[in-house]
Amino acid sequence: VSGGDAGNKTRPEDKQNFTLLLTALRDELNAQGKKDKRDYLLTIAGPAGPKIIANLELDKIHKQLDWINVMGYDFHGGWDNVTGFNAPLYASSTDPTEDETIRKKFNVDSAVQAHLAAGVPSEKIVVGVPF
């Protein structure tokens, strides 16, 4: 597991622990829903960058979720050496980033395709856009 602020503490089991947390939440929400005859939604604001997507067991967690809000923005920002596109829909040959992986993978289309490839049904994918 990687990513986040430099001071964050991570452990290898965090990936599985997040899956377990969502499963426990879903179970509790379902139990409460049976008691009060209501439906409770469980969603996440999911990552769009490939390194952070790799921190999730998308093939498992989507089963616990009503949808995943893929954060289709902040692909580039003040942490970069050059100004890049904040929310590119597709990869662009005019992206000034020197890193080819970032140029090809840091865009909304690539993020959505990664979620689909992991088995997330398209009807559970919602794309967040900047304003």
N, C-alpha and C. Protein backbone atom coordinates (compact mmCIF):
# COMPACT_ATOMS: atom_id res chain seq x y z
N VAL A 1 0.86 -1.17 0.00
CA VAL A 1 0.00 0.00 0.00
C VAL A 1 0.89 1.23 0.00
N SER A 2 0.55 2.18 -0.84
CA SER A 2 1.36 3.39 -0.94
C SER A 2 0.45 4.59 -1.20
N GLY A 3 1.07 5.77 -1.13
CA GLY A 3 0.34 6.98 -1.45
C GLY A 3 0.02 7.80 -0.23
N GLY A 4 -0.57 8.94 -0.46
CA GLY A 4 -0.93 9.83 0.63
C GLY A 4 0.21 10.74 1.03
N ASP A 5 0.01 11.45 2.11
CA ASP A 5 1.02 12.37 2.61
C ASP A 5 2.25 11.61 3.09
N ALA A 6 3.39 12.27 3.03
CA ALA A 6 4.66 11.64 3.38
C ALA A 6 4.66 11.06 4.79
N GLY A 7 3.96 11.65 5.72
CA GLY A 7 3.95 11.18 7.10
C GLY A 7 2.97 10.05 7.38
N ASN A 8 2.16 9.67 6.40
CA ASN A 8 1.18 8.60 6.62
C ASN A 8 1.86 7.28 6.91
N LYS A 9 1.30 6.54 7.84
CA LYS A 9 1.78 5.20 8.15
C LYS A 9 0.91 4.20 7.40
N THR A 10 1.54 3.33 6.65
CA THR A 10 0.80 2.30 5.92
C THR A 10 1.38 0.94 6.27
N ARG A 11 0.55 -0.08 6.08
CA ARG A 11 0.97 -1.46 6.31
C ARG A 11 0.53 -2.29 5.12
N PRO A 12 1.24 -3.35 4.81
CA PRO A 12 0.85 -4.18 3.66
C PRO A 12 -0.59 -4.70 3.77
N GLU A 13 -1.05 -4.96 4.98
CA GLU A 13 -2.40 -5.52 5.15
C GLU A 13 -3.51 -4.47 5.04
N ASP A 14 -3.16 -3.21 4.87
CA ASP A 14 -4.18 -2.16 4.75
C ASP A 14 -5.11 -2.40 3.56
N LYS A 15 -4.60 -2.97 2.50
CA LYS A 15 -5.42 -3.25 1.32
C LYS A 15 -6.57 -4.19 1.69
N GLN A 16 -6.24 -5.28 2.36
CA GLN A 16 -7.26 -6.25 2.77
C GLN A 16 -8.12 -5.68 3.91
N ASN A 17 -7.51 -4.90 4.79
CA ASN A 17 -8.28 -4.32 5.89
C ASN A 17 -9.38 -3.38 5.39
N PHE A 18 -9.11 -2.65 4.31
CA PHE A 18 -10.14 -1.77 3.76
C PHE A 18 -11.31 -2.60 3.24
N THR A 19 -11.00 -3.72 2.59
CA THR A 19 -12.05 -4.62 2.12
C THR A 19 -12.87 -5.14 3.29
N LEU A 20 -12.19 -5.54 4.36
CA LEU A 20 -12.89 -6.02 5.55
C LEU A 20 -13.75 -4.94 6.19
N LEU A 21 -13.24 -3.72 6.22
CA LEU A 21 -14.01 -2.60 6.77
C LEU A 21 -15.29 -2.38 5.98
N LEU A 22 -15.18 -2.35 4.65
CA LEU A 22 -16.36 -2.13 3.82
C LEU A 22 -17.36 -3.28 3.97
N THR A 23 -16.86 -4.50 4.10
CA THR A 23 -17.74 -5.66 4.29
C THR A 23 -18.49 -5.54 5.61
N ALA A 24 -17.79 -5.15 6.67
CA ALA A 24 -18.43 -4.98 7.97
C ALA A 24 -19.47 -3.86 7.93
N LEU A 25 -19.13 -2.76 7.27
CA LEU A 25 -20.08 -1.66 7.13
C LEU A 25 -21.33 -2.10 6.37
N ARG A 26 -21.12 -2.81 5.25
CA ARG A 26 -22.25 -3.28 4.44
C ARG A 26 -23.14 -4.20 5.26
N ASP A 27 -22.53 -5.12 6.03
CA ASP A 27 -23.31 -6.04 6.86
C ASP A 27 -24.15 -5.28 7.89
N GLU A 28 -23.56 -4.30 8.54
CA GLU A 28 -24.28 -3.51 9.54
C GLU A 28 -25.40 -2.69 8.91
N LEU A 29 -25.12 -2.10 7.76
CA LEU A 29 -26.15 -1.32 7.07
C LEU A 29 -27.31 -2.21 6.63
N ASN A 30 -26.99 -3.40 6.13
CA ASN A 30 -28.05 -4.33 5.73
C ASN A 30 -28.89 -4.76 6.94
N ALA A 31 -28.21 -5.03 8.06
CA ALA A 31 -28.93 -5.44 9.28
C ALA A 31 -29.85 -4.31 9.76
N GLN A 32 -29.34 -3.10 9.75
CA GLN A 32 -30.16 -1.96 10.17
C GLN A 32 -31.34 -1.76 9.21
N GLY A 33 -31.07 -1.95 7.92
CA GLY A 33 -32.12 -1.81 6.92
C GLY A 33 -33.25 -2.80 7.12
N LYS A 34 -32.93 -4.01 7.56
CA LYS A 34 -33.97 -5.00 7.84
C LYS A 34 -34.81 -4.58 9.04
N LYS A 35 -34.15 -3.94 10.01
CA LYS A 35 -34.87 -3.51 11.21
C LYS A 35 -35.83 -2.36 10.92
N ASP A 36 -35.38 -1.38 10.18
CA ASP A 36 -36.21 -0.20 9.97
C ASP A 36 -36.78 -0.08 8.56
N LYS A 37 -36.65 -1.14 7.79
CA LYS A 37 -37.24 -1.20 6.44
C LYS A 37 -36.76 -0.06 5.54
N ARG A 38 -35.46 0.22 5.61
CA ARG A 38 -34.87 1.27 4.77
C ARG A 38 -33.68 0.68 4.02
N ASP A 39 -33.35 1.31 2.91
CA ASP A 39 -32.15 0.95 2.17
C ASP A 39 -31.07 1.96 2.50
N TYR A 40 -29.88 1.47 2.81
CA TYR A 40 -28.75 2.34 3.11
C TYR A 40 -27.70 2.18 2.03
N LEU A 41 -27.23 3.30 1.52
CA LEU A 41 -26.20 3.30 0.49
C LEU A 41 -24.82 3.29 1.12
N LEU A 42 -23.90 2.60 0.48
CA LEU A 42 -22.49 2.63 0.86
C LEU A 42 -21.70 2.92 -0.41
N THR A 43 -20.99 4.03 -0.41
CA THR A 43 -20.21 4.45 -1.57
C THR A 43 -18.81 4.86 -1.11
N ILE A 44 -17.90 4.99 -2.05
CA ILE A 44 -16.58 5.54 -1.75
C ILE A 44 -16.21 6.56 -2.82
N ALA A 45 -15.35 7.47 -2.44
CA ALA A 45 -14.68 8.34 -3.41
C ALA A 45 -13.41 7.59 -3.78
N GLY A 46 -13.41 6.99 -4.95
CA GLY A 46 -12.31 6.12 -5.35
C GLY A 46 -11.23 6.85 -6.13
N PRO A 47 -10.03 6.32 -6.08
CA PRO A 47 -8.90 6.96 -6.76
C PRO A 47 -8.97 6.79 -8.27
N ALA A 48 -8.25 7.66 -8.96
CA ALA A 48 -8.16 7.58 -10.41
C ALA A 48 -6.74 7.25 -10.87
N GLY A 49 -5.76 7.54 -10.06
CA GLY A 49 -4.37 7.26 -10.41
C GLY A 49 -4.05 5.78 -10.27
N PRO A 50 -3.29 5.21 -11.21
CA PRO A 50 -3.03 3.77 -11.20
C PRO A 50 -2.32 3.26 -9.95
N LYS A 51 -1.41 4.02 -9.38
CA LYS A 51 -0.71 3.55 -8.18
C LYS A 51 -1.65 3.44 -6.99
N ILE A 52 -2.60 4.33 -6.91
CA ILE A 52 -3.54 4.30 -5.79
C ILE A 52 -4.65 3.28 -6.05
N ILE A 53 -5.08 3.14 -7.30
CA ILE A 53 -6.05 2.10 -7.64
C ILE A 53 -5.51 0.74 -7.21
N ALA A 54 -4.21 0.54 -7.37
CA ALA A 54 -3.59 -0.74 -7.00
C ALA A 54 -3.68 -1.02 -5.51
N ASN A 55 -3.98 -0.01 -4.70
CA ASN A 55 -4.12 -0.20 -3.26
C ASN A 55 -5.46 -0.80 -2.87
N LEU A 56 -6.36 -0.95 -3.82
CA LEU A 56 -7.71 -1.44 -3.53
C LEU A 56 -7.96 -2.80 -4.15
N GLU A 57 -8.78 -3.59 -3.49
CA GLU A 57 -9.25 -4.85 -4.06
C GLU A 57 -10.59 -4.57 -4.74
N LEU A 58 -10.52 -3.88 -5.87
CA LEU A 58 -11.75 -3.46 -6.56
C LEU A 58 -12.65 -4.64 -6.90
N ASP A 59 -12.03 -5.78 -7.24
CA ASP A 59 -12.82 -6.95 -7.59
C ASP A 59 -13.67 -7.45 -6.42
N LYS A 60 -13.28 -7.10 -5.21
CA LYS A 60 -14.03 -7.52 -4.03
C LYS A 60 -14.90 -6.39 -3.47
N ILE A 61 -14.33 -5.20 -3.39
CA ILE A 61 -15.07 -4.14 -2.69
C ILE A 61 -16.30 -3.66 -3.45
N HIS A 62 -16.29 -3.77 -4.77
CA HIS A 62 -17.46 -3.28 -5.51
C HIS A 62 -18.72 -4.04 -5.12
N LYS A 63 -18.56 -5.26 -4.65
CA LYS A 63 -19.72 -6.07 -4.25
C LYS A 63 -20.38 -5.52 -2.99
N GLN A 64 -19.64 -4.76 -2.21
CA GLN A 64 -20.17 -4.16 -0.98
C GLN A 64 -20.72 -2.76 -1.20
N LEU A 65 -20.42 -2.19 -2.36
CA LEU A 65 -20.72 -0.78 -2.62
C LEU A 65 -21.89 -0.61 -3.58
N ASP A 66 -22.61 0.48 -3.39
CA ASP A 66 -23.67 0.82 -4.33
C ASP A 66 -23.09 1.51 -5.56
N TRP A 67 -22.05 2.28 -5.37
CA TRP A 67 -21.30 2.85 -6.48
C TRP A 67 -19.96 3.35 -6.01
N ILE A 68 -19.09 3.62 -6.98
CA ILE A 68 -17.77 4.18 -6.72
C ILE A 68 -17.68 5.50 -7.46
N ASN A 69 -17.41 6.56 -6.72
CA ASN A 69 -17.21 7.88 -7.32
C ASN A 69 -15.74 7.99 -7.70
N VAL A 70 -15.42 7.79 -8.95
CA VAL A 70 -14.03 7.88 -9.41
C VAL A 70 -13.65 9.35 -9.51
N MET A 71 -12.66 9.74 -8.75
CA MET A 71 -12.26 11.15 -8.69
C MET A 71 -11.48 11.50 -9.96
N GLY A 72 -12.19 11.99 -10.96
CA GLY A 72 -11.61 12.29 -12.26
C GLY A 72 -10.96 13.66 -12.34
N TYR A 73 -10.25 14.03 -11.32
CA TYR A 73 -9.62 15.36 -11.27
C TYR A 73 -8.38 15.29 -10.39
N ASP A 74 -7.64 16.38 -10.37
CA ASP A 74 -6.38 16.46 -9.61
C ASP A 74 -5.34 15.45 -10.08
N PHE A 75 -5.33 15.21 -11.39
CA PHE A 75 -4.28 14.36 -11.94
C PHE A 75 -2.94 15.07 -11.87
N HIS A 76 -2.99 16.38 -11.94
CA HIS A 76 -1.78 17.21 -11.81
C HIS A 76 -2.09 18.34 -10.84
N GLY A 77 -1.05 18.86 -10.23
CA GLY A 77 -1.24 19.96 -9.29
C GLY A 77 0.08 20.54 -8.83
N GLY A 78 0.05 21.23 -7.71
CA GLY A 78 1.22 21.90 -7.18
C GLY A 78 2.38 20.99 -6.85
N TRP A 79 2.15 19.71 -6.76
CA TRP A 79 3.20 18.74 -6.47
C TRP A 79 4.03 18.39 -7.71
N ASP A 80 3.58 18.80 -8.89
CA ASP A 80 4.29 18.52 -10.14
C ASP A 80 5.33 19.60 -10.43
N ASN A 81 6.33 19.22 -11.24
CA ASN A 81 7.36 20.17 -11.66
C ASN A 81 6.90 21.07 -12.80
N VAL A 82 5.90 20.60 -13.56
CA VAL A 82 5.35 21.38 -14.67
C VAL A 82 3.83 21.43 -14.51
N THR A 83 3.21 22.40 -15.15
CA THR A 83 1.76 22.51 -15.11
C THR A 83 1.17 21.51 -16.09
N GLY A 84 0.32 20.62 -15.59
CA GLY A 84 -0.32 19.63 -16.44
C GLY A 84 -1.83 19.80 -16.40
N PHE A 85 -2.52 18.98 -17.15
CA PHE A 85 -3.97 19.04 -17.21
C PHE A 85 -4.56 18.52 -15.89
N ASN A 86 -5.48 19.26 -15.30
CA ASN A 86 -6.07 18.87 -14.03
C ASN A 86 -7.00 17.68 -14.17
N ALA A 87 -7.78 17.64 -15.23
CA ALA A 87 -8.80 16.61 -15.37
C ALA A 87 -8.94 16.17 -16.83
N PRO A 88 -7.88 15.61 -17.41
CA PRO A 88 -7.99 15.20 -18.82
C PRO A 88 -8.94 14.02 -18.99
N LEU A 89 -9.80 14.12 -19.98
CA LEU A 89 -10.72 13.02 -20.26
C LEU A 89 -9.97 11.84 -20.87
N TYR A 90 -9.06 12.13 -21.79
CA TYR A 90 -8.25 11.11 -22.45
C TYR A 90 -6.77 11.48 -22.36
N ALA A 91 -5.92 10.51 -22.63
CA ALA A 91 -4.48 10.79 -22.71
C ALA A 91 -4.24 11.76 -23.85
N SER A 92 -3.23 12.61 -23.67
CA SER A 92 -2.93 13.62 -24.70
C SER A 92 -1.44 13.66 -24.97
N SER A 93 -1.10 13.68 -26.24
CA SER A 93 0.31 13.80 -26.62
C SER A 93 0.86 15.18 -26.27
N THR A 94 -0.02 16.12 -25.97
CA THR A 94 0.44 17.47 -25.60
C THR A 94 0.60 17.65 -24.09
N ASP A 95 0.36 16.59 -23.32
CA ASP A 95 0.59 16.66 -21.87
C ASP A 95 2.08 16.90 -21.66
N PRO A 96 2.45 17.95 -20.93
CA PRO A 96 3.86 18.30 -20.78
C PRO A 96 4.66 17.38 -19.85
N THR A 97 4.00 16.43 -19.20
CA THR A 97 4.68 15.53 -18.28
C THR A 97 5.68 14.66 -19.03
N GLU A 98 6.88 14.54 -18.50
CA GLU A 98 7.91 13.72 -19.14
C GLU A 98 7.68 12.23 -18.92
N ASP A 99 7.10 11.85 -17.81
CA ASP A 99 6.87 10.44 -17.48
C ASP A 99 5.77 9.88 -18.39
N GLU A 100 6.14 8.91 -19.21
CA GLU A 100 5.20 8.36 -20.19
C GLU A 100 4.02 7.65 -19.53
N THR A 101 4.26 6.96 -18.43
CA THR A 101 3.17 6.29 -17.72
C THR A 101 2.14 7.30 -17.25
N ILE A 102 2.60 8.40 -16.70
CA ILE A 102 1.68 9.44 -16.24
C ILE A 102 0.92 10.02 -17.42
N ARG A 103 1.61 10.28 -18.52
CA ARG A 103 0.95 10.83 -19.72
C ARG A 103 -0.15 9.90 -20.21
N LYS A 104 0.09 8.60 -20.16
CA LYS A 104 -0.87 7.64 -20.71
C LYS A 104 -1.96 7.23 -19.72
N LYS A 105 -1.64 7.22 -18.43
CA LYS A 105 -2.56 6.65 -17.44
C LYS A 105 -3.28 7.66 -16.56
N PHE A 106 -2.81 8.91 -16.50
CA PHE A 106 -3.44 9.89 -15.63
C PHE A 106 -4.52 10.65 -16.40
N ASN A 107 -5.65 9.98 -16.62
CA ASN A 107 -6.80 10.58 -17.30
C ASN A 107 -8.05 9.79 -16.92
N VAL A 108 -9.19 10.38 -17.14
CA VAL A 108 -10.45 9.78 -16.73
C VAL A 108 -10.70 8.45 -17.44
N ASP A 109 -10.47 8.40 -18.74
CA ASP A 109 -10.70 7.18 -19.49
C ASP A 109 -9.88 6.02 -18.93
N SER A 110 -8.62 6.25 -18.67
CA SER A 110 -7.76 5.20 -18.13
C SER A 110 -8.25 4.73 -16.76
N ALA A 111 -8.69 5.67 -15.94
CA ALA A 111 -9.18 5.33 -14.60
C ALA A 111 -10.45 4.47 -14.69
N VAL A 112 -11.37 4.87 -15.54
CA VAL A 112 -12.60 4.10 -15.70
C VAL A 112 -12.29 2.72 -16.27
N GLN A 113 -11.41 2.65 -17.26
CA GLN A 113 -11.04 1.36 -17.83
C GLN A 113 -10.40 0.44 -16.78
N ALA A 114 -9.60 1.00 -15.88
CA ALA A 114 -8.98 0.20 -14.82
C ALA A 114 -10.04 -0.38 -13.88
N HIS A 115 -11.06 0.41 -13.58
CA HIS A 115 -12.14 -0.08 -12.73
C HIS A 115 -12.93 -1.18 -13.44
N LEU A 116 -13.22 -0.98 -14.71
CA LEU A 116 -13.93 -2.00 -15.48
C LEU A 116 -13.11 -3.28 -15.58
N ALA A 117 -11.81 -3.15 -15.83
CA ALA A 117 -10.92 -4.32 -15.95
C ALA A 117 -10.84 -5.09 -14.63
N ALA A 118 -11.04 -4.41 -13.52
CA ALA A 118 -11.02 -5.06 -12.20
C ALA A 118 -12.35 -5.73 -11.88
N GLY A 119 -13.32 -5.60 -12.77
CA GLY A 119 -14.60 -6.26 -12.56
C GLY A 119 -15.70 -5.38 -12.00
N VAL A 120 -15.45 -4.09 -11.88
CA VAL A 120 -16.50 -3.19 -11.38
C VAL A 120 -17.54 -3.01 -12.49
N PRO A 121 -18.80 -3.30 -12.23
CA PRO A 121 -19.82 -3.10 -13.26
C PRO A 121 -19.95 -1.62 -13.62
N SER A 122 -20.17 -1.35 -14.89
CA SER A 122 -20.23 0.04 -15.36
C SER A 122 -21.32 0.84 -14.64
N GLU A 123 -22.41 0.18 -14.25
CA GLU A 123 -23.48 0.92 -13.58
C GLU A 123 -23.12 1.35 -12.16
N LYS A 124 -21.97 0.88 -11.66
CA LYS A 124 -21.51 1.29 -10.33
C LYS A 124 -20.42 2.37 -10.40
N ILE A 125 -20.09 2.83 -11.60
CA ILE A 125 -19.03 3.82 -11.76
C ILE A 125 -19.65 5.20 -12.01
N VAL A 126 -19.31 6.14 -11.14
CA VAL A 126 -19.72 7.54 -11.29
C VAL A 126 -18.43 8.34 -11.37
N VAL A 127 -18.33 9.23 -12.35
CA VAL A 127 -17.11 10.02 -12.52
C VAL A 127 -17.32 11.41 -11.92
N GLY A 128 -16.44 11.75 -11.00
CA GLY A 128 -16.44 13.10 -10.43
C GLY A 128 -15.67 14.03 -11.35
N VAL A 129 -16.24 15.20 -11.60
CA VAL A 129 -15.58 16.17 -12.47
C VAL A 129 -15.36 17.48 -11.71
N PRO A 130 -14.31 18.22 -12.06
CA PRO A 130 -14.04 19.47 -11.35
C PRO A 130 -14.94 20.59 -11.85
N PHE A 131 -15.05 21.60 -11.03
CA PHE A 131 -15.80 22.79 -11.42
C PHE A 131 -15.00 24.01 -11.02
